[in-house]
């Protein structure tokens, strides 16, 4: 048998995108076919009779909120960080071989 190549074919799988959406509401029965999906993003809320593959109003329910992200964030304000050894300089010259006048004067004094 030869292999068939399909472009823009039907996606494989039947997992609802609404299951991980904030606006999706699931009611599941004992059988595999006993699934009631309601989208609460529309007014009035509407029943979805098929597995959703892509949605423009999808909002991941497992995404952290702004307050949760603020608690996890590192604070790099000036009062809280320590300078790293080797990166602190006097600001006069960037490199020793750059031809700065202050480095040449310091070398003459030694």
N, C-alpha and C. Protein backbone atom coordinates (compact mmCIF):
# COMPACT_ATOMS: atom_id res chain seq x y z
N UNK A 1 0.82 -1.19 0.00
CA UNK A 1 0.00 0.00 0.00
C UNK A 1 0.86 1.25 0.00
N UNK A 2 0.46 2.22 -0.73
CA UNK A 2 1.19 3.49 -0.80
C UNK A 2 0.74 4.42 0.33
N UNK A 3 1.66 5.29 0.76
CA UNK A 3 1.33 6.26 1.79
C UNK A 3 0.63 7.45 1.17
N UNK A 4 -0.36 7.94 1.86
CA UNK A 4 -1.07 9.12 1.39
C UNK A 4 -0.58 10.33 2.15
N UNK A 5 -0.37 11.44 1.45
CA UNK A 5 0.02 12.69 2.09
C UNK A 5 -1.13 13.67 1.98
N UNK A 6 -1.59 14.14 3.13
CA UNK A 6 -2.69 15.10 3.17
C UNK A 6 -2.19 16.44 3.67
N UNK A 7 -2.61 17.49 3.02
CA UNK A 7 -2.31 18.84 3.49
C UNK A 7 -3.58 19.46 4.04
N UNK A 8 -3.47 20.11 5.17
CA UNK A 8 -4.62 20.73 5.83
C UNK A 8 -5.73 19.72 6.10
N UNK A 9 -5.36 18.54 6.55
CA UNK A 9 -6.32 17.50 6.86
C UNK A 9 -6.93 17.68 8.23
N UNK A 10 -7.76 16.76 8.61
CA UNK A 10 -8.42 16.80 9.91
C UNK A 10 -7.41 16.45 11.00
N UNK A 11 -7.36 17.22 12.10
CA UNK A 11 -6.42 16.91 13.17
C UNK A 11 -6.77 15.58 13.85
N UNK A 12 -5.75 14.86 14.28
CA UNK A 12 -5.93 13.57 14.93
C UNK A 12 -6.14 13.80 16.42
N UNK A 13 -7.06 13.07 17.01
CA UNK A 13 -7.33 13.18 18.44
C UNK A 13 -8.65 13.87 18.68
N UNK A 14 -9.20 13.64 19.86
CA UNK A 14 -10.50 14.23 20.15
C UNK A 14 -10.53 14.85 21.55
N UNK A 15 -9.41 15.38 22.01
CA UNK A 15 -9.34 16.03 23.32
C UNK A 15 -9.87 17.46 23.20
N UNK A 16 -10.79 17.81 24.08
CA UNK A 16 -11.39 19.14 24.06
C UNK A 16 -10.37 20.19 24.48
N UNK A 17 -10.28 21.28 23.74
CA UNK A 17 -9.48 22.42 24.15
C UNK A 17 -10.14 23.13 25.33
N UNK A 18 -11.45 23.00 25.42
CA UNK A 18 -12.22 23.64 26.49
C UNK A 18 -11.88 23.07 27.87
N UNK A 19 -11.30 21.87 27.91
CA UNK A 19 -10.98 21.24 29.19
C UNK A 19 -9.95 22.05 29.97
N UNK A 20 -9.02 22.71 29.29
CA UNK A 20 -8.01 23.51 29.97
C UNK A 20 -8.27 25.01 29.85
N UNK A 21 -9.47 25.39 29.44
CA UNK A 21 -9.83 26.80 29.28
C UNK A 21 -10.56 27.30 30.53
N UNK A 22 -10.38 28.56 30.85
CA UNK A 22 -11.05 29.16 32.00
C UNK A 22 -12.55 29.20 31.77
N UNK A 23 -12.98 29.40 30.55
CA UNK A 23 -14.39 29.57 30.23
C UNK A 23 -15.12 28.25 30.00
N UNK A 24 -14.38 27.13 29.92
CA UNK A 24 -15.00 25.84 29.66
C UNK A 24 -15.57 25.23 30.92
N UNK A 25 -16.76 24.65 30.79
CA UNK A 25 -17.41 23.99 31.92
C UNK A 25 -17.78 22.58 31.46
N UNK A 26 -17.27 21.55 32.16
CA UNK A 26 -17.44 20.16 31.77
C UNK A 26 -18.35 19.43 32.74
N UNK A 27 -19.22 18.62 32.19
CA UNK A 27 -20.00 17.68 32.97
C UNK A 27 -19.82 16.33 32.29
N UNK A 28 -19.26 15.37 33.02
CA UNK A 28 -18.91 14.07 32.45
C UNK A 28 -19.71 12.99 33.14
N UNK A 29 -20.31 12.11 32.33
CA UNK A 29 -21.09 10.98 32.86
C UNK A 29 -20.25 9.73 32.98
N UNK A 30 -20.94 8.59 33.14
CA UNK A 30 -20.24 7.32 33.31
C UNK A 30 -19.72 6.77 31.99
N UNK A 31 -20.43 7.01 30.91
CA UNK A 31 -19.98 6.52 29.60
C UNK A 31 -19.06 7.56 28.96
N UNK A 32 -18.29 7.10 27.99
CA UNK A 32 -17.37 7.99 27.30
C UNK A 32 -18.10 9.04 26.49
N UNK A 33 -19.31 8.72 26.05
CA UNK A 33 -20.08 9.66 25.24
C UNK A 33 -20.89 10.63 26.09
N UNK A 34 -20.94 10.43 27.38
CA UNK A 34 -21.72 11.31 28.25
C UNK A 34 -20.86 12.51 28.68
N UNK A 35 -20.71 13.45 27.78
CA UNK A 35 -19.93 14.66 28.05
C UNK A 35 -20.76 15.87 27.63
N UNK A 36 -20.93 16.80 28.55
CA UNK A 36 -21.62 18.04 28.26
C UNK A 36 -20.63 19.18 28.47
N UNK A 37 -20.35 19.93 27.40
CA UNK A 37 -19.40 21.04 27.45
C UNK A 37 -20.17 22.32 27.23
N UNK A 38 -19.95 23.29 28.13
CA UNK A 38 -20.61 24.59 28.02
C UNK A 38 -19.53 25.67 28.02
N UNK A 39 -19.62 26.58 27.04
CA UNK A 39 -18.72 27.73 26.98
C UNK A 39 -19.40 28.90 27.67
N UNK A 40 -18.82 29.36 28.77
CA UNK A 40 -19.42 30.45 29.54
C UNK A 40 -18.91 31.82 29.10
N UNK A 41 -18.10 31.88 28.05
CA UNK A 41 -17.57 33.16 27.58
C UNK A 41 -18.61 33.94 26.79
N UNK A 42 -19.55 33.26 26.18
CA UNK A 42 -20.59 33.95 25.40
C UNK A 42 -21.79 34.24 26.29
N UNK A 43 -22.60 35.16 25.84
CA UNK A 43 -23.79 35.51 26.62
C UNK A 43 -25.01 35.32 25.72
N UNK A 44 -25.87 34.40 25.95
CA UNK A 44 -25.89 33.40 27.01
C UNK A 44 -24.88 32.29 26.74
N UNK A 45 -24.54 31.55 27.78
CA UNK A 45 -23.58 30.45 27.64
C UNK A 45 -24.14 29.42 26.67
N UNK A 46 -23.27 28.87 25.81
CA UNK A 46 -23.75 27.94 24.80
C UNK A 46 -23.10 26.57 24.96
N UNK A 47 -23.84 25.57 24.56
CA UNK A 47 -23.37 24.19 24.62
C UNK A 47 -22.52 23.91 23.38
N UNK A 48 -21.41 23.21 23.57
CA UNK A 48 -20.51 22.85 22.47
C UNK A 48 -20.68 21.36 22.21
N UNK A 49 -21.25 20.97 21.05
CA UNK A 49 -21.53 19.55 20.80
C UNK A 49 -20.37 18.76 20.21
N UNK A 50 -19.20 19.35 20.03
CA UNK A 50 -18.08 18.67 19.37
C UNK A 50 -16.78 19.05 20.08
N UNK A 51 -15.72 18.24 19.94
CA UNK A 51 -14.43 18.60 20.52
C UNK A 51 -13.84 19.82 19.81
N UNK A 52 -13.43 20.81 20.58
CA UNK A 52 -12.90 22.06 20.01
C UNK A 52 -11.40 21.90 19.80
N UNK A 53 -10.93 22.24 18.59
CA UNK A 53 -9.52 22.15 18.25
C UNK A 53 -8.82 23.48 18.45
N UNK A 54 -9.48 24.58 18.07
CA UNK A 54 -8.89 25.92 18.18
C UNK A 54 -9.99 26.91 18.53
N UNK A 55 -9.67 27.87 19.40
CA UNK A 55 -10.66 28.86 19.84
C UNK A 55 -9.97 30.21 19.97
N UNK A 56 -10.65 31.27 19.52
CA UNK A 56 -10.05 32.61 19.59
C UNK A 56 -10.12 33.20 20.98
N UNK A 57 -11.03 32.73 21.82
CA UNK A 57 -11.17 33.26 23.18
C UNK A 57 -10.59 32.30 24.22
N UNK A 58 -9.67 31.44 23.82
CA UNK A 58 -9.07 30.46 24.73
C UNK A 58 -8.19 31.16 25.75
N UNK A 59 -8.35 30.84 27.03
CA UNK A 59 -7.54 31.38 28.11
C UNK A 59 -7.18 30.21 29.02
N UNK A 60 -5.89 29.89 29.08
CA UNK A 60 -5.41 28.71 29.80
C UNK A 60 -5.70 28.82 31.29
N UNK A 61 -6.37 27.84 31.83
CA UNK A 61 -6.75 27.88 33.25
C UNK A 61 -5.56 27.58 34.16
N UNK A 62 -4.51 26.98 33.63
CA UNK A 62 -3.33 26.65 34.43
C UNK A 62 -2.26 27.73 34.36
N UNK A 63 -2.52 28.81 33.65
CA UNK A 63 -1.57 29.92 33.57
C UNK A 63 -1.61 30.70 34.89
N UNK A 64 -0.44 31.04 35.45
CA UNK A 64 -0.45 31.75 36.74
C UNK A 64 -0.98 33.18 36.59
N UNK A 65 -1.61 33.66 37.66
CA UNK A 65 -2.14 35.03 37.65
C UNK A 65 -0.99 36.02 37.86
N UNK A 66 -1.30 37.29 37.75
CA UNK A 66 -0.28 38.34 37.91
C UNK A 66 0.29 38.31 39.33
N UNK A 67 -0.56 38.12 40.32
CA UNK A 67 -0.10 38.09 41.71
C UNK A 67 0.80 36.89 41.97
N UNK A 68 0.48 35.74 41.39
CA UNK A 68 1.33 34.56 41.55
C UNK A 68 2.69 34.76 40.90
N UNK A 69 2.71 35.40 39.73
CA UNK A 69 3.98 35.67 39.06
C UNK A 69 4.80 36.69 39.84
N UNK A 70 4.15 37.69 40.46
CA UNK A 70 4.86 38.69 41.24
C UNK A 70 5.51 38.06 42.48
N UNK A 71 4.86 37.07 43.08
CA UNK A 71 5.43 36.39 44.23
C UNK A 71 6.67 35.58 43.85
N UNK A 72 6.67 35.01 42.64
CA UNK A 72 7.79 34.18 42.20
C UNK A 72 8.94 34.98 41.60
N UNK A 73 8.70 36.24 41.26
CA UNK A 73 9.71 37.04 40.56
C UNK A 73 10.86 37.40 41.49
N UNK A 74 12.05 37.49 40.93
CA UNK A 74 13.23 37.92 41.67
C UNK A 74 13.29 39.44 41.67
N UNK A 75 13.72 40.01 42.78
CA UNK A 75 13.79 41.46 42.91
C UNK A 75 15.23 41.91 42.65
N UNK A 76 15.45 42.67 41.58
CA UNK A 76 16.77 43.15 41.23
C UNK A 76 16.86 44.67 41.38
N UNK A 77 16.13 45.23 42.32
CA UNK A 77 16.23 46.67 42.53
C UNK A 77 17.60 46.98 43.14
N UNK A 78 18.02 48.24 43.10
CA UNK A 78 19.38 48.62 43.51
C UNK A 78 19.69 48.28 44.97
N UNK A 79 18.73 48.36 45.85
CA UNK A 79 19.00 48.11 47.25
C UNK A 79 19.14 46.65 47.63
N UNK A 80 18.78 45.73 46.75
CA UNK A 80 18.74 44.32 47.12
C UNK A 80 19.84 43.47 46.49
N UNK A 81 20.56 43.97 45.55
CA UNK A 81 21.55 43.12 44.91
C UNK A 81 22.95 43.48 45.38
N UNK A 82 23.81 42.50 45.35
CA UNK A 82 25.21 42.71 45.71
C UNK A 82 26.02 42.79 44.43
N UNK A 83 27.04 43.61 44.40
CA UNK A 83 27.89 43.65 43.21
C UNK A 83 28.68 42.36 43.06
N UNK A 84 28.89 41.95 41.84
CA UNK A 84 29.62 40.72 41.55
C UNK A 84 31.09 41.05 41.42
N UNK A 85 31.94 40.25 42.07
CA UNK A 85 33.37 40.48 42.05
C UNK A 85 33.89 40.35 40.63
N UNK A 86 34.70 41.28 40.23
CA UNK A 86 35.29 41.26 38.90
C UNK A 86 34.56 42.14 37.92
N UNK A 87 33.37 42.58 38.24
CA UNK A 87 32.63 43.46 37.36
C UNK A 87 32.53 44.87 37.92
N UNK A 88 33.17 45.12 39.04
CA UNK A 88 33.16 46.45 39.62
C UNK A 88 34.42 47.18 39.16
N UNK A 89 34.29 48.31 38.56
CA UNK A 89 35.43 49.08 38.10
C UNK A 89 35.30 50.52 38.53
N UNK A 90 36.37 51.29 38.28
CA UNK A 90 36.32 52.69 38.65
C UNK A 90 35.64 53.53 37.57
N UNK A 91 35.39 52.97 36.42
CA UNK A 91 34.68 53.68 35.37
C UNK A 91 35.56 54.53 34.50
N UNK A 92 36.86 54.57 34.77
CA UNK A 92 37.76 55.42 33.98
C UNK A 92 38.03 54.79 32.63
N UNK A 93 38.31 53.51 32.58
CA UNK A 93 38.62 52.83 31.33
C UNK A 93 37.93 51.49 31.29
N UNK A 94 37.59 51.07 30.09
CA UNK A 94 36.91 49.80 29.92
C UNK A 94 37.93 48.67 29.87
N UNK A 95 38.98 48.82 29.09
CA UNK A 95 39.99 47.78 28.95
C UNK A 95 41.37 48.38 29.15
N UNK A 96 42.31 47.54 29.56
CA UNK A 96 43.66 48.04 29.84
C UNK A 96 44.39 48.41 28.55
N UNK A 97 44.14 47.74 27.46
CA UNK A 97 44.86 48.01 26.21
C UNK A 97 44.12 48.99 25.31
N UNK A 98 43.17 49.73 25.86
CA UNK A 98 42.40 50.64 25.03
C UNK A 98 43.11 51.97 24.81
N UNK A 99 44.25 52.18 25.46
CA UNK A 99 45.00 53.42 25.25
C UNK A 99 44.49 54.58 26.07
N UNK A 100 43.96 54.32 27.24
CA UNK A 100 43.47 55.39 28.10
C UNK A 100 44.64 56.14 28.71
N UNK A 101 44.46 57.41 28.87
CA UNK A 101 45.53 58.23 29.42
C UNK A 101 45.76 57.95 30.89
N UNK A 102 44.70 57.63 31.64
CA UNK A 102 44.85 57.38 33.07
C UNK A 102 45.65 56.12 33.33
N UNK A 103 45.50 55.08 32.49
CA UNK A 103 46.29 53.87 32.66
C UNK A 103 47.76 54.13 32.37
N UNK A 104 48.05 54.95 31.39
CA UNK A 104 49.45 55.27 31.07
C UNK A 104 50.08 56.08 32.20
N UNK A 105 49.32 57.03 32.80
CA UNK A 105 49.85 57.81 33.92
C UNK A 105 50.09 56.93 35.14
N UNK A 106 49.17 55.99 35.40
CA UNK A 106 49.32 55.08 36.53
C UNK A 106 50.54 54.18 36.34
N UNK A 107 50.83 53.77 35.10
CA UNK A 107 51.97 52.92 34.82
C UNK A 107 53.27 53.70 35.00
N UNK A 108 53.29 54.99 34.69
CA UNK A 108 54.48 55.82 34.86
C UNK A 108 54.80 56.04 36.34
N UNK A 109 53.77 56.15 37.16
CA UNK A 109 53.99 56.39 38.58
C UNK A 109 54.52 55.17 39.31
N UNK A 110 54.31 54.02 38.80
CA UNK A 110 54.77 52.78 39.45
C UNK A 110 56.19 52.60 39.23
